[in-house]
Protein backbone atom coordinates (compact mmCIF):
# COMPACT_ATOMS: atom_id res chain seq x y z
CA MET A 1 12.63 -0.44 -10.73
CA ILE A 2 12.13 1.05 -14.19
CA LEU A 3 15.59 -0.14 -15.20
CA ASN A 4 14.72 -3.62 -14.00
CA ARG A 5 11.49 -3.52 -16.00
CA LYS A 6 13.16 -2.32 -19.18
CA GLY A 7 16.01 -4.78 -18.74
CA LYS A 8 13.50 -7.58 -18.13
CA GLN A 9 15.07 -8.36 -14.76
CA TYR A 10 11.77 -9.39 -13.27
CA SER A 11 13.16 -11.09 -10.16
CA ASP A 12 14.92 -7.86 -9.15
CA GLU A 13 11.78 -5.85 -9.89
CA LEU A 14 9.75 -8.26 -7.75
CA ARG A 15 12.21 -7.79 -4.89
CA VAL A 16 11.81 -3.98 -5.07
CA ILE A 17 8.01 -4.24 -5.30
CA ASN A 18 7.85 -6.53 -2.25
CA LEU A 19 10.02 -4.12 -0.27
CA ALA A 20 7.76 -1.20 -1.22
CA ILE A 21 4.57 -3.08 -0.33
CA ASN A 22 5.99 -4.14 3.02
CA ARG A 23 7.26 -0.67 3.89
CA PHE A 24 4.12 1.17 2.81
CA GLY A 25 1.93 -1.41 4.54
CA GLN A 26 3.90 -0.96 7.75
CA SER A 27 3.64 2.82 7.43
CA ASN A 28 -0.13 2.57 6.90
CA TYR A 29 -0.47 0.41 10.00
CA GLU A 30 1.54 2.89 12.09
CA ARG A 31 -0.68 5.74 10.86
CA PHE A 32 -3.75 3.63 11.65
CA LEU A 33 -2.63 3.04 15.24
CA LYS A 34 -1.79 6.72 15.69
CA ALA A 35 -5.16 7.90 14.34
CA LYS A 36 -7.04 5.28 16.33
CA SER A 37 -5.34 6.16 19.61
CA ASP A 38 -5.91 9.91 19.29
CA PRO A 39 -8.75 10.89 21.68
CA LYS A 40 -10.00 13.56 19.25
CA ASN A 41 -10.81 10.84 16.71
CA ARG A 42 -13.21 8.83 18.92
CA ASP A 43 -16.16 9.75 16.70
CA TYR A 44 -14.36 8.44 13.61
CA LEU A 45 -13.20 4.99 14.82
CA GLU A 46 -15.44 3.00 12.47
CA GLN A 47 -14.47 5.16 9.52
CA ILE A 48 -10.76 4.82 10.34
CA GLU A 49 -10.99 1.03 10.61
CA SER A 50 -12.91 0.85 7.35
CA ALA A 51 -10.39 3.14 5.65
CA MET A 52 -7.53 0.90 6.75
CA GLU A 53 -9.20 -2.10 5.11
CA LEU A 54 -10.15 -0.21 1.96
CA ASN A 55 -6.91 1.78 1.68
CA SER A 56 -8.70 5.14 1.70
CA ARG A 57 -8.74 8.44 3.60
CA VAL A 58 -10.83 9.91 6.41
CA LYS A 59 -11.54 13.62 6.94
CA ASN A 60 -12.89 15.25 10.06
CA ASN A 61 -15.75 17.78 10.09
CA GLU A 62 -13.32 20.63 9.46
CA GLY A 63 -12.00 19.01 6.28
CA TRP A 64 -8.62 17.93 7.66
CA TYR A 65 -7.35 14.42 6.98
CA ILE A 66 -7.19 12.46 10.21
CA PHE A 67 -6.15 9.26 8.45
CA ASP A 68 -4.39 9.04 5.10
CA THR A 69 -2.82 5.91 3.64
CA ASN A 70 -0.10 5.22 1.15
CA TYR A 71 -1.86 3.90 -1.92
CA ILE A 72 -0.37 0.44 -2.52
CA ILE A 73 -2.93 -1.04 -4.92
CA PRO A 74 -0.83 -0.24 -8.04
CA TRP A 75 2.15 -1.98 -6.43
CA ILE A 76 0.07 -5.09 -5.76
CA GLU A 77 -1.24 -5.09 -9.34
CA ARG A 78 2.27 -4.73 -10.74
CA ARG A 79 3.47 -7.59 -8.52
CA GLU A 80 0.81 -9.83 -10.08
CA LYS A 81 1.98 -8.86 -13.58
CA VAL A 82 5.62 -9.50 -12.69
CA LEU A 83 4.77 -12.91 -11.24
CA LYS A 84 3.04 -13.83 -14.51
CA LEU A 85 6.03 -12.60 -16.51
CA ILE A 86 8.43 -14.64 -14.35
CA GLU A 87 6.27 -17.75 -14.86
CA LYS A 88 6.13 -17.10 -18.60
CA GLU A 89 9.92 -16.65 -18.69
CA ARG A 90 10.45 -19.97 -16.87
CA ASN A 91 8.14 -21.86 -19.26
CA SER A 92 9.93 -20.67 -22.39
């Protein structure tokens, strides 16, 4: 991805970013279902659902993470930048 960025191959970089967002999003959803279905986490269901929407973490009373997401916000922000660069490249 860095080589694509430095070589200004924005369409290839966009392809890699979309793959990463899809994969990490799928992984987050699988973790969400696993944490939600665990009977020990019944007390934390609202927190887990909120964490899935906000892309954050949930700890239990003992301090252990019961739900942890892959942080995909930087990928989404970079995708927006790349889309602007592709549009700028097409207009010039």
